[in-house]
Protein backbone atom coordinates (compact mmCIF):
# COMPACT_ATOMS: atom_id res chain seq x y z
CA LEU A 1 35.44 50.87 25.18
CA SER A 2 37.12 51.10 28.70
CA GLN A 3 35.13 48.21 30.10
CA TYR A 4 36.36 45.92 27.16
CA LYS A 5 38.91 43.51 28.76
CA PHE A 6 40.69 42.85 25.43
CA ARG A 7 40.12 46.36 23.86
CA ASP A 8 42.97 46.17 21.10
CA LEU A 9 41.98 42.72 20.08
CA THR A 10 38.39 43.93 19.72
CA ILE A 11 39.24 47.25 17.72
CA GLU A 12 41.48 45.24 15.34
CA GLU A 13 38.59 42.78 14.51
CA LEU A 14 36.17 45.54 14.02
CA LYS A 15 38.40 47.44 11.78
CA ASP A 16 38.62 44.13 9.49
CA VAL A 17 34.63 44.01 9.65
CA SER A 18 34.47 47.84 8.49
CA LYS A 19 36.88 47.09 5.57
CA THR A 20 35.08 44.15 4.33
CA TYR A 21 31.43 45.49 5.03
CA PRO A 22 31.57 49.38 4.64
CA ASN A 23 27.72 49.66 5.20
CA PHE A 24 28.02 48.65 8.75
CA THR A 25 27.52 51.30 11.36
CA PHE A 26 28.81 51.11 14.93
CA SER A 27 27.58 52.25 18.21
CA MET A 28 27.38 52.00 22.03
CA ASN A 29 23.79 50.93 23.28
CA THR A 30 22.32 49.32 26.48
CA TYR A 31 21.70 45.54 26.05
CA THR A 32 19.18 43.97 28.49
CA PHE A 33 19.99 40.36 29.26
CA LYS A 34 17.43 37.57 30.21
CA ASP A 35 17.84 38.11 33.98
CA GLY A 36 16.96 41.71 33.50
CA SER A 37 20.59 42.91 33.92
CA GLN A 38 21.90 45.50 31.58
CA LYS A 39 25.22 46.38 30.03
CA ASP A 40 26.37 49.33 27.49
CA LEU A 41 27.78 47.13 24.68
CA LEU A 42 29.50 47.96 21.43
CA ASN A 43 27.25 46.78 18.37
CA PHE A 44 27.15 47.22 14.66
CA SER A 45 24.25 46.65 12.26
CA GLY A 46 23.95 46.73 8.37
CA THR A 47 23.12 44.37 5.55
CA VAL A 48 24.78 41.22 4.28
CA PRO A 49 24.46 40.02 0.70
CA VAL A 50 22.56 36.73 0.35
CA LYS A 51 22.02 34.80 -2.87
CA TYR A 52 18.68 32.73 -2.84
CA GLY A 53 17.65 32.74 -6.54
CA HIS A 54 17.82 36.44 -6.47
CA SER A 55 20.29 38.71 -4.24
CA TYR A 56 18.89 39.79 -0.96
CA ASN A 57 20.49 42.36 1.49
CA ILE A 58 19.67 40.81 4.88
CA PRO A 59 19.65 43.23 7.90
CA ILE A 60 21.71 42.00 10.97
CA ARG A 61 22.70 43.44 14.36
CA LEU A 62 25.57 41.97 16.25
CA TRP A 63 26.35 42.87 19.93
CA ILE A 64 29.95 42.50 21.07
CA LEU A 65 30.35 41.25 24.67
CA ASP A 66 33.00 43.04 26.79
CA SER A 67 35.03 39.57 27.13
CA HIS A 68 35.34 39.43 23.18
CA PRO A 69 37.11 37.87 21.37
CA PHE A 70 37.00 35.04 23.99
CA ALA A 71 33.17 35.06 23.89
CA PRO A 72 30.74 35.02 20.76
CA PRO A 73 28.68 38.05 19.99
CA ILE A 74 25.03 38.00 20.14
CA CYS A 75 23.28 38.05 16.92
CA PHE A 76 20.13 39.27 15.72
CA LEU A 77 18.05 40.12 12.41
CA LYS A 78 16.71 43.42 12.05
CA PRO A 79 13.76 43.04 9.83
CA THR A 80 11.85 46.17 8.54
CA ALA A 81 8.10 46.24 9.00
CA ASN A 82 7.37 44.58 5.65
CA MET A 83 9.62 41.64 6.29
CA GLY A 84 8.53 38.56 8.10
CA ILE A 85 11.01 36.39 10.13
CA ALA A 86 11.10 32.74 8.76
CA VAL A 87 11.42 30.63 11.88
CA GLY A 88 13.89 27.80 11.22
CA LYS A 89 16.98 26.10 12.21
CA HIS A 90 19.18 29.16 12.79
CA VAL A 91 16.55 31.79 13.50
CA ASP A 92 13.93 32.00 16.35
CA ALA A 93 10.70 34.18 16.37
CA ARG A 94 12.32 37.18 17.72
CA GLY A 95 14.95 37.21 15.16
CA ARG A 96 17.79 35.83 17.33
CA ILE A 97 20.29 33.93 15.16
CA TYR A 98 21.79 30.58 16.23
CA LEU A 99 24.66 29.14 14.39
CA PRO A 100 27.14 26.23 14.90
CA TYR A 101 30.05 28.84 14.57
CA LEU A 102 28.70 30.60 17.60
CA GLN A 103 28.28 27.37 19.65
CA ASN A 104 31.80 26.25 18.82
CA TRP A 105 33.21 29.81 19.31
CA SER A 106 37.01 29.69 20.20
CA HIS A 107 39.48 32.53 20.06
CA PRO A 108 41.75 32.86 17.93
CA LYS A 109 40.08 30.48 15.46
CA SER A 110 36.77 32.06 15.38
CA THR A 111 36.42 35.68 14.06
CA LEU A 112 33.65 38.15 13.35
CA ILE A 113 34.45 38.13 9.67
CA GLY A 114 34.30 34.07 9.82
CA LEU A 115 31.00 34.39 11.67
CA ILE A 116 29.32 36.62 9.19
CA LYS A 117 30.64 34.41 6.13
CA GLU A 118 28.96 31.25 7.95
CA MET A 119 25.84 33.48 8.62
CA ILE A 120 25.59 34.26 4.70
CA ALA A 121 26.22 30.66 3.93
CA LYS A 122 23.34 29.48 6.21
CA PHE A 123 20.96 32.23 4.90
CA GLU A 124 21.65 30.93 1.35
CA GLU A 125 20.47 27.50 2.40
CA GLU A 126 17.34 28.95 4.29
CA LEU A 127 16.42 32.40 3.69
CA PRO A 128 15.59 33.95 7.13
CA LEU A 129 13.11 36.59 6.11
CA TYR A 130 10.29 36.86 3.56
CA SER A 131 8.04 39.73 2.27
CA LEU A 132 4.86 40.27 3.96
CA SER A 133 1.54 41.46 2.44
CA SER A 134 0.27 44.93 3.75
CA SER A 135 -2.17 43.41 6.28
CA ASP A 136 0.65 41.05 7.63
CA ALA A 137 3.16 43.91 7.71
CA ALA A 138 0.84 45.70 10.11
CA ARG A 139 0.89 42.77 12.42
CA GLN A 140 4.62 42.27 12.00
CA SER A 141 5.12 45.90 12.79
CA GLU A 142 3.12 45.48 16.13
CA LEU A 143 5.35 42.38 17.06
CA LEU A 144 8.68 44.28 16.24
CA SER A 145 7.67 47.20 18.36
CA TYR A 146 6.70 44.80 21.15
CA ILE A 147 9.97 43.10 20.88
CA ALA A 148 11.83 46.54 20.88
CA LYS A 149 9.90 47.89 23.85
CA ILE A 150 10.69 44.89 25.98
CA THR A 151 14.25 44.74 25.17
CA GLU A 152 16.99 44.77 22.41
CA GLY A 153 17.99 41.43 23.46
CA GLU A 154 16.08 38.42 25.26
CA THR A 155 12.45 38.75 25.74
CA ASP A 156 11.31 39.24 29.16
CA MET A 157 8.18 36.95 29.22
CA LYS A 158 6.99 38.34 32.44
CA SER A 159 6.48 41.91 31.10
CA ARG A 160 4.61 40.94 27.79
CA SER A 161 2.06 43.56 26.47
CA LYS A 162 -1.54 42.33 25.88
CA THR A 163 -2.33 41.49 22.20
CA GLY A 164 -5.09 40.25 20.34
CA GLY A 165 -8.99 40.94 20.45
CA GLY A 166 -11.43 41.05 23.26
CA ASN A 167 -13.31 37.67 22.47
CA GLU A 168 -11.08 35.52 24.38
CA GLY A 169 -13.75 34.61 27.14
CA CYS A 170 -16.29 32.99 24.75
CA PHE A 171 -14.46 31.88 21.68
CA ASN A 172 -12.81 28.47 21.81
CA LYS A 173 -9.87 28.59 19.38
CA ILE A 174 -7.11 25.97 19.09
CA THR A 175 -3.86 26.36 17.13
CA VAL A 176 -1.98 23.41 16.07
CA VAL A 177 1.83 23.99 15.50
CA GLY A 178 3.21 21.74 12.70
CA ALA A 179 1.64 20.53 9.49
CA GLY A 180 3.27 17.13 9.31
CA ASP A 181 1.00 13.76 9.59
CA LEU A 182 0.56 14.35 13.43
CA GLY A 183 -0.38 17.98 13.19
CA ILE A 184 -2.83 17.39 10.42
CA ALA A 185 -4.24 14.37 12.33
CA CYS A 186 -4.76 16.61 15.24
CA VAL A 187 -6.73 19.15 13.04
CA LEU A 188 -8.96 16.45 11.67
CA ALA A 189 -9.63 14.83 15.23
CA VAL A 190 -10.43 18.26 16.72
CA ALA A 191 -12.69 19.01 13.78
CA ALA A 192 -14.28 15.67 13.71
CA LYS A 193 -15.12 15.88 17.45
CA ASP A 194 -16.39 19.42 17.17
CA VAL A 195 -14.09 20.46 20.03
CA ALA A 196 -13.42 24.15 18.98
CA ASP A 197 -15.09 26.98 17.08
CA LYS A 198 -12.02 27.51 15.20
CA VAL A 199 -8.67 25.61 14.27
CA VAL A 200 -5.62 27.26 13.07
CA LEU A 201 -2.76 25.03 11.58
CA LEU A 202 0.60 26.76 11.65
CA ASP A 203 2.44 25.38 8.67
CA LEU A 204 6.23 26.18 9.55
CA SER A 205 7.51 24.28 6.39
CA GLU A 206 9.37 25.99 3.66
CA GLY A 207 7.60 27.09 0.46
CA ALA A 208 3.95 26.96 -0.64
CA ALA A 209 1.23 24.69 1.01
CA LYS A 210 1.97 21.15 0.00
CA GLY A 211 0.95 17.52 0.60
CA GLY A 212 -1.73 17.40 3.50
CA THR A 213 -2.03 21.06 4.02
CA MET A 214 -2.88 21.49 0.06
CA ASP A 215 -5.52 18.79 0.50
CA LEU A 216 -6.92 20.65 3.70
CA GLU A 217 -7.22 23.72 1.57
CA ILE A 218 -8.68 21.86 -1.46
CA PHE A 219 -11.48 20.18 0.56
CA ALA A 220 -12.12 23.11 2.83
CA VAL A 221 -12.59 21.58 6.35
CA PRO A 222 -14.94 23.94 8.23
CA ASN A 223 -13.49 26.47 10.52
CA VAL A 224 -9.92 25.44 9.74
CA GLU A 225 -7.43 28.10 8.82
CA ILE A 226 -3.99 27.39 7.46
CA SER A 227 -1.38 30.02 8.08
CA LYS A 228 2.53 30.36 8.04
CA ASP A 229 2.24 33.52 10.47
CA PHE A 230 2.32 33.22 14.20
CA SER A 231 -0.09 36.11 14.55
CA ALA A 232 -2.78 34.01 13.29
CA SER A 233 -2.62 32.01 16.51
CA ALA A 234 -3.58 34.92 18.62
CA ASP A 235 -5.98 34.27 21.63
CA SER A 236 -6.02 30.59 21.34
CA LYS A 237 -7.23 28.64 24.24
CA VAL A 238 -5.05 25.61 23.46
CA VAL A 239 -1.84 25.53 21.51
CA VAL A 240 -0.90 21.98 20.45
CA LEU A 241 2.85 21.28 19.61
CA THR A 242 3.28 18.58 17.16
CA VAL A 243 6.74 19.65 15.32
CA ASN A 244 9.66 17.37 15.33
CA SER A 245 13.01 18.22 13.69
CA LEU A 246 13.99 16.08 10.76
CA GLY A 247 17.61 17.20 10.78
CA ASN A 248 20.55 14.96 10.15
CA ALA A 249 21.43 14.44 13.71
CA GLN A 250 23.74 11.53 14.55
CA THR A 251 22.85 10.84 18.12
CA TYR A 252 19.64 10.71 20.20
CA LEU A 253 20.90 13.84 22.18
CA ASP A 254 21.58 15.59 18.78
CA VAL A 255 18.06 14.74 17.68
CA ILE A 256 16.43 16.22 20.94
CA GLN A 257 18.82 19.32 20.78
CA SER A 258 17.58 20.12 17.18
CA ASN A 259 14.00 19.80 18.52
CA VAL A 260 14.88 22.22 21.42
CA ASP A 261 16.48 24.55 18.90
CA LEU A 262 13.27 24.45 16.92
CA PHE A 263 11.06 25.18 19.91
CA ARG A 264 13.23 28.13 20.99
CA GLY A 265 11.92 29.92 17.78
CA ILE A 266 8.18 28.73 18.40
CA ILE A 267 7.15 28.78 22.02
CA PRO A 268 8.00 32.44 22.82
CA ALA A 269 5.91 33.44 19.62
CA VAL A 270 2.89 31.34 20.48
CA SER A 271 3.05 32.46 24.21
CA HIS A 272 3.21 36.08 23.23
CA TYR A 273 0.10 35.68 20.97
CA SER A 274 -1.87 33.56 23.32
CA GLN A 275 -0.80 34.43 26.90
CA ASN A 276 -3.57 32.51 28.79
CA ALA A 277 -3.38 29.58 26.52
CA VAL A 278 -2.73 25.84 27.63
CA LEU A 279 0.37 24.30 25.86
CA LEU A 280 -0.36 20.78 24.84
CA VAL A 281 2.85 19.03 23.83
CA ALA A 282 2.70 16.18 21.48
CA SER A 283 6.38 16.41 20.16
CA HIS A 284 8.93 13.76 20.91
CA PRO A 285 10.24 13.04 23.50
CA VAL A 286 7.07 14.21 25.20
CA GLU A 287 8.49 14.48 28.72
CA VAL A 288 11.51 16.51 27.68
CA MET A 289 9.67 18.75 25.11
CA THR A 290 7.02 19.54 27.78
CA PHE A 291 9.73 20.70 30.11
CA VAL A 292 11.28 22.69 27.28
CA SER A 293 8.03 24.35 26.58
CA TRP A 294 7.60 25.16 30.20
CA LYS A 295 10.82 26.87 30.61
CA LEU A 296 10.68 28.99 27.25
CA SER A 297 7.12 30.05 27.79
CA SER A 298 7.47 31.11 31.51
CA PHE A 299 3.78 29.80 31.86
CA PRO A 300 2.68 28.31 35.22
CA LYS A 301 3.21 24.59 35.40
CA SER A 302 -0.45 24.02 35.29
CA ARG A 303 -0.71 25.34 31.67
CA VAL A 304 1.96 23.21 30.14
CA ILE A 305 0.93 19.72 29.62
CA GLY A 306 2.37 16.75 27.52
CA VAL A 307 -0.09 14.28 25.92
CA GLY A 308 2.02 11.58 27.98
CA ALA A 309 0.16 8.43 28.53
CA ASN A 310 -3.34 9.44 27.83
CA LEU A 311 -3.70 7.23 24.93
CA ASP A 312 -2.00 4.26 26.59
CA SER A 313 -4.30 4.89 29.75
CA GLU A 314 -7.45 4.85 27.62
CA ARG A 315 -6.55 1.80 25.66
CA PHE A 316 -5.43 0.09 29.07
CA ARG A 317 -8.90 0.79 30.53
CA TYR A 318 -10.61 -0.38 27.42
CA ILE A 319 -8.64 -3.79 27.37
CA LEU A 320 -9.48 -4.23 30.98
CA SER A 321 -13.09 -3.61 30.58
CA ASN A 322 -13.95 -5.03 27.23
CA LEU A 323 -11.38 -7.67 26.45
CA LEU A 324 -10.76 -8.94 29.95
CA LYS A 325 -14.07 -8.21 31.45
CA ALA A 326 -12.58 -6.53 34.52
CA GLU A 327 -14.76 -3.37 34.73
CA VAL A 328 -14.17 -2.81 38.42
CA LEU A 329 -10.31 -2.71 37.87
CA ALA A 330 -10.58 -0.40 35.01
CA LYS A 331 -12.38 2.24 36.73
CA ASP A 332 -9.21 3.44 38.68
CA ALA A 333 -6.51 1.97 36.33
CA TRP A 334 -3.87 4.26 34.87
CA VAL A 335 -0.70 3.98 32.80
CA VAL A 336 1.71 6.45 34.25
CA GLY A 337 5.49 7.64 34.13
CA GLU A 338 7.40 7.74 30.81
CA GLN A 339 6.21 7.09 27.40
CA GLY A 340 7.64 4.09 25.84
CA GLU A 341 8.95 0.95 27.13
CA ASP A 342 9.48 2.26 30.78
CA LYS A 343 5.62 3.16 31.30
CA VAL A 344 3.98 1.33 34.12
CA SER A 345 0.36 0.52 35.28
CA SER A 346 -0.87 1.93 38.55
CA TRP A 347 -4.20 2.82 40.36
CA THR A 348 -5.58 5.82 42.07
CA SER A 349 -7.85 3.89 44.51
CA CYS A 350 -6.66 1.72 47.47
CA ASN A 351 -9.79 0.21 48.64
CA VAL A 352 -8.83 -3.28 47.51
CA ALA A 353 -10.29 -5.28 50.50
CA ALA A 354 -11.16 -5.06 54.17
CA ASN A 355 -8.38 -7.08 55.71
CA GLN A 356 -4.75 -7.79 54.82
CA THR A 357 -5.10 -11.46 53.56
CA GLU A 358 -7.99 -10.41 51.27
CA ALA A 359 -6.02 -7.31 50.23
CA MET A 360 -3.04 -9.55 49.30
CA ALA A 361 -4.99 -11.99 47.32
CA ALA A 362 -6.76 -9.04 45.41
CA ARG A 363 -3.65 -7.36 44.73
CA ASN A 364 -2.16 -10.52 43.12
CA SER A 365 -5.25 -11.04 41.09
CA ARG A 366 -5.27 -7.64 39.96
CA GLU A 367 -1.58 -7.77 38.91
CA LYS A 368 -2.21 -10.84 36.82
CA VAL A 369 -4.94 -9.07 34.76
CA ALA A 370 -2.97 -5.77 34.64
CA ASN A 371 -0.02 -7.73 33.28
CA ARG A 372 -2.26 -9.36 30.59
CA ALA A 373 -3.56 -5.92 29.66
CA MET A 374 -0.12 -4.49 29.48
CA GLU A 375 0.99 -7.29 27.14
CA VAL A 376 -2.01 -6.46 24.86
CA LEU A 377 -1.04 -2.96 25.06
CA LYS A 378 2.37 -3.58 23.90
CA GLY A 379 1.26 -4.61 20.44
CA LYS A 380 -0.72 -1.35 19.78
CA GLY A 381 1.41 1.24 17.98
CA GLN A 382 0.90 4.97 18.15
CA ARG A 383 -0.15 6.19 14.76
CA SER A 384 -0.65 9.76 14.05
CA TRP A 385 -4.46 9.55 13.76
CA SER A 386 -4.56 7.73 17.23
CA VAL A 387 -2.42 10.39 18.92
CA GLY A 388 -4.69 12.87 16.98
CA LEU A 389 -7.81 11.41 18.61
CA SER A 390 -5.90 11.43 22.10
CA VAL A 391 -5.04 15.20 21.67
CA ALA A 392 -8.66 15.96 20.54
CA ASP A 393 -9.88 14.19 23.83
CA LEU A 394 -7.63 16.27 26.06
CA ALA A 395 -8.38 19.62 24.25
CA ASP A 396 -12.32 18.58 24.68
CA SER A 397 -11.60 18.28 28.63
CA ILE A 398 -9.75 21.59 28.61
CA LEU A 399 -11.82 23.74 26.61
CA LYS A 400 -15.26 22.46 28.06
CA ASP A 401 -13.88 22.53 31.66
CA LYS A 402 -14.99 18.85 32.04
CA ARG A 403 -12.79 18.26 35.23
CA LYS A 404 -12.08 14.84 33.84
CA VAL A 405 -9.13 12.75 34.99
CA HIS A 406 -6.28 12.06 32.26
CA SER A 407 -2.79 10.64 32.52
CA VAL A 408 -0.85 13.60 31.17
CA SER A 409 2.90 14.76 31.41
CA THR A 410 2.95 17.20 34.41
CA LEU A 411 5.71 18.65 36.56
CA ALA A 412 6.29 15.57 38.90
CA LYS A 413 8.68 17.32 41.41
CA GLY A 414 7.40 16.50 44.86
CA CYS A 415 5.54 13.59 43.92
CA CYS A 416 6.92 10.05 44.61
CA ASN A 417 10.13 11.44 46.24
CA ILE A 418 11.19 13.09 42.96
CA ASN A 419 13.14 16.22 43.50
CA SER A 420 14.02 17.04 39.93
CA GLU A 421 12.28 19.34 37.57
CA VAL A 422 10.85 16.57 35.19
CA PHE A 423 7.57 16.00 33.58
CA LEU A 424 6.06 12.48 33.87
CA SER A 425 2.65 11.11 33.17
CA LEU A 426 0.35 11.08 36.13
CA PRO A 427 -3.40 11.22 36.64
CA CYS A 428 -4.55 14.82 36.78
CA ILE A 429 -7.90 16.57 36.82
CA LEU A 430 -8.18 18.79 33.62
CA GLY A 431 -10.12 22.13 33.07
CA THR A 432 -9.79 25.50 31.26
CA SER A 433 -6.76 26.44 33.35
CA GLY A 434 -4.97 23.18 32.54
CA VAL A 435 -3.94 20.90 35.47
CA ILE A 436 -6.37 21.67 38.31
CA GLU A 437 -5.20 18.90 40.73
CA MET A 438 -2.99 15.70 40.58
CA VAL A 439 -4.70 12.74 41.70
CA SER A 440 -2.87 10.58 44.24
CA LEU A 441 -1.67 7.21 43.28
CA GLU A 442 -1.89 4.16 45.49
CA GLU A 443 1.29 3.56 47.30
CA ASP A 444 3.34 0.85 45.39
CA PRO A 445 7.01 0.61 46.08
CA LEU A 446 7.53 -0.76 42.30
CA VAL A 447 5.76 2.01 40.79
CA GLN A 448 7.34 4.60 42.73
CA GLU A 449 10.76 2.77 41.95
CA LYS A 450 10.03 3.06 38.08
CA LEU A 451 8.89 6.66 38.34
CA GLN A 452 12.04 7.82 40.26
CA SER A 453 14.22 5.74 37.66
CA SER A 454 12.47 7.54 34.85
CA ALA A 455 12.85 10.87 36.56
CA GLY A 456 16.58 10.37 37.05
CA SER A 457 17.31 9.41 33.23
CA ILE A 458 15.10 12.42 32.06
CA HIS A 459 16.79 14.74 34.24
CA ASP A 460 20.25 13.55 33.25
CA LEU A 461 19.25 14.09 29.57
CA GLN A 462 17.81 17.46 30.21
CA GLN A 463 21.28 18.45 31.93
CA GLN A 464 22.99 17.89 28.55
CA LEU A 465 20.62 20.31 26.62
CA LYS A 466 21.42 23.76 25.63
CA LEU A 467 18.34 25.70 26.40
């Protein structure tokens, strides 16, 4: 314990833990941090009693940092091969435990005994483990050995082992994560448009299939599988994220943070099982959650896309062509930027007219028509089924390598003098590897100003999140 700065305080606390939980065993082992650095750390493991209808002994392992008790421990579940991890508010797919007690850790108020008590209380609200069938246990065993092989701590996504079958090249499989209205709408739209050979709906809700998922099972939509196990998503070409946290958050930032906490349990798991997938994010707010997905997956930016303004762009072009009879304008028209009130119309072609006077007149005329189209667009809400159709449209372009242009959320750094890592909707050519190329927008100071303003506010928001 020589490297522990507050050795005596640490030993006193561990004595208390040992008295209260005699089953815990203590040892020194090497812990690997996210940046690859390693340290020999004191850790203890054992089981804690949890009442959830029946009594359960939940296996845990806590790593004590050398700055203890002024820094919180790093906590993990230690499931056996026949236990599945129930990803939720407090546990991610690798078994790492996140609790308010850890976030608000402050010596001397915070103690290891207090932490374990809160852990038990939270686990009694939401059981973190469940029993696996024998076939699922084999898959779980493979995932656990993968996690142990990489590190006892954070997963290094760059050194992931290859999983899954060898049919990746020819079999078009889509996984939709989240079985709420939007998730089910995406499944039905993908099935209706015959986009994929197989669709997996990952239902992360508690308990047995209910509501929409039950109906999908009853009426047996062809080539659709419903599962609660991340391994069912293996070798997907596209993974669609539709989950949104429904917690009791008080502020907008709290809502987003609870979504981030949710994604922390989902993204590493789906990335592990489908290492060559394109992640397609439909969760809110789409720009921030696409950024979060990119950071948590370690995927290249081209393979992490938000649904962005694809639906708005398609509607905008339809309004121009069919309602305002401005087909010529519709061809190169896009809605770009941030989803919601701050979106803006733009064009990807600047061949407006031969001379300056004509160009000015043409621009003014175009602007009037565009403003009318944007007004019509404002009255159109984004219901689950319409977003589902938009997702199916994007998945179709990706899986069939259509090289079609869509306005999707992509990393905007370097575009329009944006210097921060933010995702904004911009016209992009999509194919099997995601974004193949970004299409240049016509230079328009007002559009650039709006995009920079959106980038600034999104970046400020991202800086306040705990990733």
